[in-house]
Amino acid sequence: MRRVLLLTLVALGIGAPAAMSQSAPPKKLAASLERIFGRGVRVDSIIADTAIVIRVHAGDALLGYAAVRNAMGKDQPITYLVAVDTALALLDVDVLVYREPYGGEVAYEPWRRQFRGKGPGDHLEVGREIRGISGATISVNAVTAGIRRALSDLAGWRKAGVL
């Protein structure tokens, strides 16, 4: 699994050795996938448009999909994972790398929890369905918009038969 994840990260441009200090290490991505989908999962990846989608399996069963994305914070990108089940219901969001000095609360489980179960048809609007965080306004808006885009992309790829 580690080799596939490393290749996926390198293909995403976030796992090259020279950029490793600025990116999500493969161990962190593997740990995140195991936390969300369970121990012993097997992964492979597919190319959808110009993005890489990680397919997560347990035995012969497809458990869901995951995508690593970046959203621009105030000055630095926020690297996060969006994981969905086979019905495209959001299982969890995991912030893999937070680079800004403020706003890191978007990585906290109580804030991420509100996305669970949401899907491509949900509006995910900060101040309505999604709670803001005082002092993390830019991060909250950036990550929420990124999650909305990821869900939309996954739905579009499924409709097109890519997933």
C-alpha atoms as a PDB file:
ATOM      1  CA  MET A   1       0.000   0.000   0.000  1.00  0.00           C
ATOM      2  CA  ARG A   2       2.830   2.425   0.858  1.00  0.00           C
ATOM      3  CA  ARG A   3       4.303   2.162  -2.668  1.00  0.00           C
ATOM      4  CA  VAL A   4       0.951   2.926  -4.333  1.00  0.00           C
ATOM      5  CA  LEU A   5       0.411   5.893  -2.005  1.00  0.00           C
ATOM      6  CA  LEU A   6       3.896   7.235  -2.679  1.00  0.00           C
ATOM      7  CA  LEU A   7       3.337   6.951  -6.428  1.00  0.00           C
ATOM      8  CA  THR A   8      -0.030   8.663  -6.031  1.00  0.00           C
ATOM      9  CA  LEU A   9       1.513  11.509  -4.041  1.00  0.00           C
ATOM     10  CA  VAL A  10       4.336  11.941  -6.530  1.00  0.00           C
ATOM     11  CA  ALA A  11       1.813  12.030  -9.387  1.00  0.00           C
ATOM     12  CA  LEU A  12      -0.145  14.668  -7.473  1.00  0.00           C
ATOM     13  CA  GLY A  13       3.015  16.706  -7.155  1.00  0.00           C
ATOM     14  CA  ILE A  14       2.876  16.670  -3.379  1.00  0.00           C
ATOM     15  CA  GLY A  15       5.140  13.749  -2.606  1.00  0.00           C
ATOM     16  CA  ALA A  16       8.339  14.476  -4.497  1.00  0.00           C
ATOM     17  CA  PRO A  17      11.335  14.142  -2.147  1.00  0.00           C
ATOM     18  CA  ALA A  18      12.404  17.772  -2.655  1.00  0.00           C
ATOM     19  CA  ALA A  19       8.960  18.972  -1.637  1.00  0.00           C
ATOM     20  CA  MET A  20       8.397  16.441   1.151  1.00  0.00           C
ATOM     21  CA  SER A  21       8.751  19.048   3.912  1.00  0.00           C
ATOM     22  CA  GLN A  22       5.911  21.038   2.300  1.00  0.00           C
ATOM     23  CA  SER A  23       3.634  18.068   1.579  1.00  0.00           C
ATOM     24  CA  ALA A  24       1.767  15.213   3.160  1.00  0.00           C
ATOM     25  CA  PRO A  25       4.103  12.319   3.832  1.00  0.00           C
ATOM     26  CA  PRO A  26       2.859   8.968   2.515  1.00  0.00           C
ATOM     27  CA  LYS A  27       2.661   7.607   6.081  1.00  0.00           C
ATOM     28  CA  LYS A  28       0.194  10.331   7.012  1.00  0.00           C
ATOM     29  CA  LEU A  29      -1.990   9.602   3.990  1.00  0.00           C
ATOM     30  CA  ALA A  30      -1.887   5.861   4.695  1.00  0.00           C
ATOM     31  CA  ALA A  31      -2.770   6.472   8.353  1.00  0.00           C
ATOM     32  CA  SER A  32      -5.653   8.718   7.345  1.00  0.00           C
ATOM     33  CA  LEU A  33      -7.054   6.145   4.920  1.00  0.00           C
ATOM     34  CA  GLU A  34      -6.787   3.404   7.537  1.00  0.00           C
ATOM     35  CA  ARG A  35      -8.450   5.609  10.181  1.00  0.00           C
ATOM     36  CA  ILE A  36     -11.370   6.369   7.878  1.00  0.00           C
ATOM     37  CA  PHE A  37     -11.800   3.047   6.043  1.00  0.00           C
ATOM     38  CA  GLY A  38     -10.308   0.578   8.547  1.00  0.00           C
ATOM     39  CA  ARG A  39      -7.110  -1.400   8.930  1.00  0.00           C
ATOM     40  CA  GLY A  40      -5.828  -3.576   6.155  1.00  0.00           C
ATOM     41  CA  VAL A  41      -7.425  -1.654   3.308  1.00  0.00           C
ATOM     42  CA  ARG A  42      -5.966  -1.946  -0.159  1.00  0.00           C
ATOM     43  CA  VAL A  43      -5.748   1.048  -2.470  1.00  0.00           C
ATOM     44  CA  ASP A  44      -5.242   1.745  -6.127  1.00  0.00           C
ATOM     45  CA  SER A  45      -5.711   4.903  -8.122  1.00  0.00           C
ATOM     46  CA  ILE A  46      -7.361   6.042 -11.309  1.00  0.00           C
ATOM     47  CA  ILE A  47      -6.934   9.187 -13.348  1.00  0.00           C
ATOM     48  CA  ALA A  48     -10.073  11.301 -13.670  1.00  0.00           C
ATOM     49  CA  ASP A  49      -9.505  14.282 -15.963  1.00  0.00           C
ATOM     50  CA  THR A  50      -6.202  15.537 -14.540  1.00  0.00           C
ATOM     51  CA  ALA A  51      -6.891  14.393 -10.966  1.00  0.00           C
ATOM     52  CA  ILE A  52      -6.007  11.183  -9.193  1.00  0.00           C
ATOM     53  CA  VAL A  53      -8.762   9.385  -7.324  1.00  0.00           C
ATOM     54  CA  ILE A  54      -7.802   6.746  -4.786  1.00  0.00           C
ATOM     55  CA  ARG A  55     -10.052   3.677  -4.743  1.00  0.00           C
ATOM     56  CA  VAL A  56     -10.172   1.915  -1.378  1.00  0.00           C
ATOM     57  CA  HIS A  57     -10.897  -1.816  -1.140  1.00  0.00           C
ATOM     58  CA  ALA A  58     -11.206  -4.413   1.609  1.00  0.00           C
ATOM     59  CA  GLY A  59     -10.809  -7.836   0.038  1.00  0.00           C
ATOM     60  CA  ASP A  60     -12.907  -7.793  -3.131  1.00  0.00           C
ATOM     61  CA  ALA A  61     -15.267  -5.091  -1.874  1.00  0.00           C
ATOM     62  CA  LEU A  62     -14.953  -1.476  -2.937  1.00  0.00           C
ATOM     63  CA  LEU A  63     -15.344   0.667   0.194  1.00  0.00           C
ATOM     64  CA  GLY A  64     -15.159   4.102  -1.401  1.00  0.00           C
ATOM     65  CA  TYR A  65     -12.992   6.778  -2.910  1.00  0.00           C
ATOM     66  CA  ALA A  66     -10.590   9.411  -1.645  1.00  0.00           C
ATOM     67  CA  ALA A  67      -9.036  12.479  -3.194  1.00  0.00           C
ATOM     68  CA  VAL A  68      -6.178  14.609  -1.945  1.00  0.00           C
ATOM     69  CA  ARG A  69      -6.782  18.273  -2.651  1.00  0.00           C
ATOM     70  CA  ASN A  70      -5.226  21.636  -1.918  1.00  0.00           C
ATOM     71  CA  ALA A  71      -7.125  24.787  -1.005  1.00  0.00           C
ATOM     72  CA  MET A  72      -5.419  28.145  -0.758  1.00  0.00           C
ATOM     73  CA  GLY A  73      -5.397  29.550   2.757  1.00  0.00           C
ATOM     74  CA  LYS A  74      -4.374  33.141   3.392  1.00  0.00           C
ATOM     75  CA  ASP A  75      -0.838  32.618   2.059  1.00  0.00           C
ATOM     76  CA  GLN A  76      -0.220  28.868   1.936  1.00  0.00           C
ATOM     77  CA  PRO A  77      -2.031  25.822   0.559  1.00  0.00           C
ATOM     78  CA  ILE A  78      -3.969  23.542   2.885  1.00  0.00           C
ATOM     79  CA  THR A  79      -3.634  19.899   1.857  1.00  0.00           C
ATOM     80  CA  TYR A  80      -6.611  17.744   2.793  1.00  0.00           C
ATOM     81  CA  LEU A  81      -8.187  14.393   2.025  1.00  0.00           C
ATOM     82  CA  VAL A  82     -11.854  13.950   1.114  1.00  0.00           C
ATOM     83  CA  ALA A  83     -13.087  10.370   1.630  1.00  0.00           C
ATOM     84  CA  VAL A  84     -16.484   9.150   0.436  1.00  0.00           C
ATOM     85  CA  ASP A  85     -18.300   5.819   0.399  1.00  0.00           C
ATOM     86  CA  THR A  86     -19.527   4.168  -2.792  1.00  0.00           C
ATOM     87  CA  ALA A  87     -22.737   6.256  -2.683  1.00  0.00           C
ATOM     88  CA  LEU A  88     -20.557   9.416  -2.537  1.00  0.00           C
ATOM     89  CA  ALA A  89     -21.624  10.226   1.037  1.00  0.00           C
ATOM     90  CA  LEU A  90     -18.734  11.944   2.764  1.00  0.00           C
ATOM     91  CA  LEU A  91     -17.106   9.699   5.357  1.00  0.00           C
ATOM     92  CA  ASP A  92     -14.587  12.224   6.614  1.00  0.00           C
ATOM     93  CA  VAL A  93     -12.258  15.044   5.748  1.00  0.00           C
ATOM     94  CA  ASP A  94      -8.715  14.925   7.032  1.00  0.00           C
ATOM     95  CA  VAL A  95      -6.354  17.889   6.944  1.00  0.00           C
ATOM     96  CA  LEU A  96      -3.031  16.338   5.986  1.00  0.00           C
ATOM     97  CA  VAL A  97      -0.858  19.467   6.021  1.00  0.00           C
ATOM     98  CA  TYR A  98      -1.783  22.858   7.477  1.00  0.00           C
ATOM     99  CA  ARG A  99       0.883  25.467   6.765  1.00  0.00           C
ATOM    100  CA  GLU A 100      -0.579  28.758   8.046  1.00  0.00           C
ATOM    101  CA  PRO A 101       0.229  30.181  11.497  1.00  0.00           C
ATOM    102  CA  TYR A 102      -3.496  30.661  12.296  1.00  0.00           C
ATOM    103  CA  GLY A 103      -6.713  28.814  11.502  1.00  0.00           C
ATOM    104  CA  GLY A 104      -5.486  25.275  12.100  1.00  0.00           C
ATOM    105  CA  GLU A 105      -8.742  24.534  13.904  1.00  0.00           C
ATOM    106  CA  VAL A 106     -10.111  23.276  10.565  1.00  0.00           C
ATOM    107  CA  ALA A 107      -8.105  20.117  11.286  1.00  0.00           C
ATOM    108  CA  TYR A 108      -9.974  19.504  14.558  1.00  0.00           C
ATOM    109  CA  GLU A 109     -12.425  16.615  14.606  1.00  0.00           C
ATOM    110  CA  PRO A 110     -15.419  18.587  15.962  1.00  0.00           C
ATOM    111  CA  TRP A 111     -15.319  20.939  12.942  1.00  0.00           C
ATOM    112  CA  ARG A 112     -14.679  18.160  10.383  1.00  0.00           C
ATOM    113  CA  ARG A 113     -17.494  16.036  11.848  1.00  0.00           C
ATOM    114  CA  GLN A 114     -20.170  18.342  10.413  1.00  0.00           C
ATOM    115  CA  PHE A 115     -19.287  17.225   6.862  1.00  0.00           C
ATOM    116  CA  ARG A 116     -19.921  13.521   7.508  1.00  0.00           C
ATOM    117  CA  GLY A 117     -22.833  12.140   5.543  1.00  0.00           C
ATOM    118  CA  LYS A 118     -22.968  15.134   3.202  1.00  0.00           C
ATOM    119  CA  GLY A 119     -23.001  14.534  -0.525  1.00  0.00           C
ATOM    120  CA  PRO A 120     -22.784  16.290  -3.881  1.00  0.00           C
ATOM    121  CA  GLY A 121     -26.349  17.622  -3.541  1.00  0.00           C
ATOM    122  CA  ASP A 122     -25.661  19.469  -0.284  1.00  0.00           C
ATOM    123  CA  HIS A 123     -24.894  23.181  -0.483  1.00  0.00           C
ATOM    124  CA  LEU A 124     -22.252  23.240   2.276  1.00  0.00           C
ATOM    125  CA  GLU A 125     -22.452  26.962   2.873  1.00  0.00           C
ATOM    126  CA  VAL A 126     -20.431  28.508   5.694  1.00  0.00           C
ATOM    127  CA  GLY A 127     -22.786  30.243   8.110  1.00  0.00           C
ATOM    128  CA  ARG A 128     -25.670  27.942   7.195  1.00  0.00           C
ATOM    129  CA  GLU A 129     -24.867  24.214   7.038  1.00  0.00           C
ATOM    130  CA  ILE A 130     -21.233  24.709   8.050  1.00  0.00           C
ATOM    131  CA  ARG A 131     -20.132  26.478  11.224  1.00  0.00           C
ATOM    132  CA  GLY A 132     -17.453  29.110  10.971  1.00  0.00           C
ATOM    133  CA  ILE A 133     -14.485  29.312  13.302  1.00  0.00           C
ATOM    134  CA  SER A 134     -13.499  32.646  14.799  1.00  0.00           C
ATOM    135  CA  GLY A 135      -9.976  33.486  13.632  1.00  0.00           C
ATOM    136  CA  ALA A 136     -10.055  30.872  10.864  1.00  0.00           C
ATOM    137  CA  THR A 137     -12.454  32.474   8.392  1.00  0.00           C
ATOM    138  CA  ILE A 138     -10.224  32.119   5.338  1.00  0.00           C
ATOM    139  CA  SER A 139      -9.337  28.495   6.131  1.00  0.00           C
ATOM    140  CA  VAL A 140     -12.961  27.555   6.826  1.00  0.00           C
ATOM    141  CA  ASN A 141     -14.146  29.073   3.549  1.00  0.00           C
ATOM    142  CA  ALA A 142     -11.265  27.622   1.522  1.00  0.00           C
ATOM    143  CA  VAL A 143     -11.600  24.074   2.843  1.00  0.00           C
ATOM    144  CA  THR A 144     -15.414  24.130   2.622  1.00  0.00           C
ATOM    145  CA  ALA A 145     -15.307  25.307  -0.998  1.00  0.00           C
ATOM    146  CA  GLY A 146     -12.686  22.667  -1.762  1.00  0.00           C
ATOM    147  CA  ILE A 147     -14.817  19.913  -0.254  1.00  0.00           C
ATOM    148  CA  ARG A 148     -17.814  21.120  -2.265  1.00  0.00           C
ATOM    149  CA  ARG A 149     -15.702  20.982  -5.465  1.00  0.00           C
ATOM    150  CA  ALA A 150     -14.331  17.530  -4.629  1.00  0.00           C
ATOM    151  CA  LEU A 151     -17.843  16.135  -4.080  1.00  0.00           C
ATOM    152  CA  SER A 152     -19.027  17.725  -7.319  1.00  0.00           C
ATOM    153  CA  ASP A 153     -16.042  16.327  -9.234  1.00  0.00           C
ATOM    154  CA  LEU A 154     -16.582  12.835  -7.831  1.00  0.00           C
ATOM    155  CA  ALA A 155     -20.271  12.960  -8.788  1.00  0.00           C
ATOM    156  CA  GLY A 156     -19.402  14.145 -12.295  1.00  0.00           C
ATOM    157  CA  TRP A 157     -16.824  11.390 -12.741  1.00  0.00           C
ATOM    158  CA  ARG A 158     -19.295   8.780 -11.538  1.00  0.00           C
ATOM    159  CA  LYS A 159     -21.945  10.062 -13.957  1.00  0.00           C
ATOM    160  CA  ALA A 160     -19.380   9.952 -16.795  1.00  0.00           C
ATOM    161  CA  GLY A 161     -18.492   6.343 -15.870  1.00  0.00           C
ATOM    162  CA  VAL A 162     -14.945   7.143 -14.784  1.00  0.00           C
ATOM    163  CA  LEU A 163     -15.433   5.852 -11.216  1.00  0.00           C
END
